[in-house]
C-alpha atoms as a PDB file:
ATOM      1  CA  MET A   1      -0.102   0.026  -0.166  1.00  0.00           C
ATOM      2  CA  ILE A   2       2.895   2.328   1.028  1.00  0.00           C
ATOM      3  CA  ASP A   3       6.215   2.204  -0.915  1.00  0.00           C
ATOM      4  CA  TRP A   4       8.511   2.927   2.187  1.00  0.00           C
ATOM      5  CA  GLU A   5      11.589   3.529   0.004  1.00  0.00           C
ATOM      6  CA  ARG A   6      10.055   5.911  -1.714  1.00  0.00           C
ATOM      7  CA  VAL A   7       9.081   7.718   1.102  1.00  0.00           C
ATOM      8  CA  LYS A   8      12.988   7.438   2.908  1.00  0.00           C
ATOM      9  CA  GLU A   9      13.991   8.683  -0.896  1.00  0.00           C
ATOM     10  CA  LEU A  10      11.777  11.847  -0.333  1.00  0.00           C
ATOM     11  CA  ARG A  11      12.789  12.598   2.977  1.00  0.00           C
ATOM     12  CA  SER A  12      16.291  11.729   2.259  1.00  0.00           C
ATOM     13  CA  GLU A  13      15.600  14.635  -0.585  1.00  0.00           C
ATOM     14  CA  ILE A  14      14.064  17.375   1.060  1.00  0.00           C
ATOM     15  CA  GLY A  15      14.842  16.574   4.769  1.00  0.00           C
ATOM     16  CA  PRO A  16      12.690  15.970   7.834  1.00  0.00           C
ATOM     17  CA  ASP A  17      11.602  19.218   8.602  1.00  0.00           C
ATOM     18  CA  ASP A  18      10.892  19.916   5.086  1.00  0.00           C
ATOM     19  CA  PHE A  19       8.998  16.279   4.362  1.00  0.00           C
ATOM     20  CA  ALA A  20       7.082  16.945   7.593  1.00  0.00           C
ATOM     21  CA  GLU A  21       5.813  19.850   6.295  1.00  0.00           C
ATOM     22  CA  VAL A  22       5.256  18.005   2.284  1.00  0.00           C
ATOM     23  CA  ALA A  23       3.487  15.425   3.845  1.00  0.00           C
ATOM     24  CA  ALA A  24       1.137  17.208   6.144  1.00  0.00           C
ATOM     25  CA  MET A  25       0.247  19.266   3.136  1.00  0.00           C
ATOM     26  CA  PHE A  26      -0.699  16.153   0.726  1.00  0.00           C
ATOM     27  CA  LEU A  27      -2.774  14.991   3.827  1.00  0.00           C
ATOM     28  CA  GLU A  28      -4.434  17.957   4.275  1.00  0.00           C
ATOM     29  CA  GLU A  29      -5.110  18.815   0.311  1.00  0.00           C
ATOM     30  CA  ALA A  30      -6.063  14.999   0.076  1.00  0.00           C
ATOM     31  CA  ASP A  31      -8.624  14.660   2.564  1.00  0.00           C
ATOM     32  CA  GLU A  32     -10.239  18.061   0.825  1.00  0.00           C
ATOM     33  CA  ALA A  33      -9.732  16.173  -3.144  1.00  0.00           C
ATOM     34  CA  VAL A  34     -11.453  12.900  -1.689  1.00  0.00           C
ATOM     35  CA  ALA A  35     -14.231  15.225   0.067  1.00  0.00           C
ATOM     36  CA  ARG A  36     -14.750  16.779  -3.392  1.00  0.00           C
ATOM     37  CA  LEU A  37     -15.483  13.388  -5.270  1.00  0.00           C
ATOM     38  CA  SER A  38     -18.407  12.269  -6.183  1.00  0.00           C
ATOM     39  CA  SER A  39     -20.325  10.529  -8.757  1.00  0.00           C
ATOM     40  CA  GLU A  40     -22.759  14.362  -8.958  1.00  0.00           C
ATOM     41  CA  ALA A  41     -19.326  16.390 -10.193  1.00  0.00           C
ATOM     42  CA  THR A  42     -18.595  16.812 -14.176  1.00  0.00           C
ATOM     43  CA  ALA A  43     -15.956  14.496 -15.750  1.00  0.00           C
ATOM     44  CA  LYS A  44     -13.570  17.568 -15.776  1.00  0.00           C
ATOM     45  CA  ALA A  45     -13.872  18.075 -11.962  1.00  0.00           C
ATOM     46  CA  MET A  46     -13.748  14.179 -11.141  1.00  0.00           C
ATOM     47  CA  GLU A  47     -10.610  14.373 -13.701  1.00  0.00           C
ATOM     48  CA  ALA A  48      -8.778  16.969 -11.892  1.00  0.00           C
ATOM     49  CA  ASP A  49      -8.885  16.212  -8.818  1.00  0.00           C
ATOM     50  CA  LEU A  50      -7.901  12.561  -9.813  1.00  0.00           C
ATOM     51  CA  HIS A  51      -5.019  13.501 -11.033  1.00  0.00           C
ATOM     52  CA  PHE A  52      -4.098  16.049  -8.358  1.00  0.00           C
ATOM     53  CA  LEU A  53      -4.660  12.804  -5.708  1.00  0.00           C
ATOM     54  CA  LYS A  54      -2.539  10.583  -8.579  1.00  0.00           C
ATOM     55  CA  GLY A  55       0.265  12.707  -8.511  1.00  0.00           C
ATOM     56  CA  ALA A  56       0.662  13.992  -4.631  1.00  0.00           C
ATOM     57  CA  ALA A  57       0.164   9.925  -3.999  1.00  0.00           C
ATOM     58  CA  LEU A  58       2.611   8.803  -6.319  1.00  0.00           C
ATOM     59  CA  ASN A  59       5.119  11.142  -5.234  1.00  0.00           C
ATOM     60  CA  LEU A  60       4.446  10.040  -1.326  1.00  0.00           C
ATOM     61  CA  GLY A  61       4.954   6.838  -2.051  1.00  0.00           C
ATOM     62  CA  PHE A  62       1.001   5.856  -1.682  1.00  0.00           C
ATOM     63  CA  ASP A  63       1.020   3.390  -4.603  1.00  0.00           C
ATOM     64  CA  ALA A  64      -2.460   1.735  -4.450  1.00  0.00           C
ATOM     65  CA  LEU A  65      -4.014   5.003  -4.345  1.00  0.00           C
ATOM     66  CA  SER A  66      -1.725   5.918  -7.229  1.00  0.00           C
ATOM     67  CA  ALA A  67      -3.127   3.555  -9.405  1.00  0.00           C
ATOM     68  CA  LEU A  68      -6.308   3.782  -8.490  1.00  0.00           C
ATOM     69  CA  CYS A  69      -6.581   7.587  -9.242  1.00  0.00           C
ATOM     70  CA  GLN A  70      -4.412   7.145 -12.629  1.00  0.00           C
ATOM     71  CA  ASP A  71      -7.332   4.625 -13.882  1.00  0.00           C
ATOM     72  CA  GLY A  72     -10.073   6.606 -12.351  1.00  0.00           C
ATOM     73  CA  GLU A  73      -8.135   9.759 -14.564  1.00  0.00           C
ATOM     74  CA  ARG A  74      -8.239   8.195 -17.719  1.00  0.00           C
ATOM     75  CA  ARG A  75     -11.865   7.453 -17.597  1.00  0.00           C
ATOM     76  CA  ALA A  76     -13.206  10.550 -16.654  1.00  0.00           C
ATOM     77  CA  ALA A  77     -10.905  11.909 -19.460  1.00  0.00           C
ATOM     78  CA  VAL A  78     -12.930  10.342 -21.849  1.00  0.00           C
ATOM     79  CA  GLY A  79     -16.566  11.100 -19.736  1.00  0.00           C
ATOM     80  CA  ASP A  80     -16.937   8.414 -18.109  1.00  0.00           C
ATOM     81  CA  LEU A  81     -17.815   8.387 -14.718  1.00  0.00           C
ATOM     82  CA  SER A  82     -18.058   4.833 -13.576  1.00  0.00           C
ATOM     83  CA  VAL A  83     -15.241   5.203 -11.521  1.00  0.00           C
ATOM     84  CA  ASP A  84     -15.378   3.587  -8.341  1.00  0.00           C
ATOM     85  CA  LEU A  85     -15.159   5.894  -6.060  1.00  0.00           C
ATOM     86  CA  ARG A  86     -15.938   4.406  -2.826  1.00  0.00           C
ATOM     87  CA  ALA A  87     -12.339   2.363  -3.434  1.00  0.00           C
ATOM     88  CA  VAL A  88     -10.830   5.727  -4.159  1.00  0.00           C
ATOM     89  CA  ARG A  89     -11.959   6.907  -0.749  1.00  0.00           C
ATOM     90  CA  GLN A  90     -10.984   3.939   1.011  1.00  0.00           C
ATOM     91  CA  THR A  91      -7.672   3.418  -0.530  1.00  0.00           C
ATOM     92  CA  TYR A  92      -7.377   6.613   0.651  1.00  0.00           C
ATOM     93  CA  LEU A  93      -8.014   6.321   4.273  1.00  0.00           C
ATOM     94  CA  GLY A  94      -6.362   2.752   4.439  1.00  0.00           C
ATOM     95  CA  SER A  95      -3.287   4.156   2.761  1.00  0.00           C
ATOM     96  CA  LYS A  96      -3.396   7.720   5.206  1.00  0.00           C
ATOM     97  CA  ALA A  97      -3.783   5.301   8.491  1.00  0.00           C
ATOM     98  CA  ALA A  98      -0.579   2.870   7.560  1.00  0.00           C
ATOM     99  CA  PHE A  99       1.428   6.108   6.307  1.00  0.00           C
ATOM    100  CA  GLN A 100       1.101   7.292   9.791  1.00  0.00           C
ATOM    101  CA  SER A 101       0.767   5.000  11.626  1.00  0.00           C
ATOM    102  CA  GLY A 102       4.499   3.547   9.877  1.00  0.00           C
ATOM    103  CA  MET A 103       6.135   7.150   9.602  1.00  0.00           C
ATOM    104  CA  ALA A 104       7.532   6.607  13.398  1.00  0.00           C
ATOM    105  CA  GLN A 105       8.956   2.470  12.580  1.00  0.00           C
ATOM    106  CA  ALA A 106      10.158   3.909   9.331  1.00  0.00           C
ATOM    107  CA  PHE A 107      12.540   6.776  10.992  1.00  0.00           C
ATOM    108  CA  ALA A 108      13.088   5.304  14.087  1.00  0.00           C
ATOM    109  CA  ALA A 109      16.723   5.835  15.758  1.00  0.00           C
END
């Protein structure tokens, strides 16, 4: 669910303080994007939110979420709104929980 090597790589690249800020910002913005996802949204709005989530998730090692969002983004781009938004939400929440609980273990001194 989480690519911990990617997480460690990003933390190493930008430093622990900036990493903490990036992670907090991603989770806040992702919470908002996930909350906006709706079957009532336009294809363009859904595509934009899924595109944001895909990129941010990939950058922070949320591999399962990134894959789901990529599929959904492709569908929305051609007007197909049959994206499994429930799966996206559940995967995000599961990834977020795994990320938050795994941070202390991943960077224990």
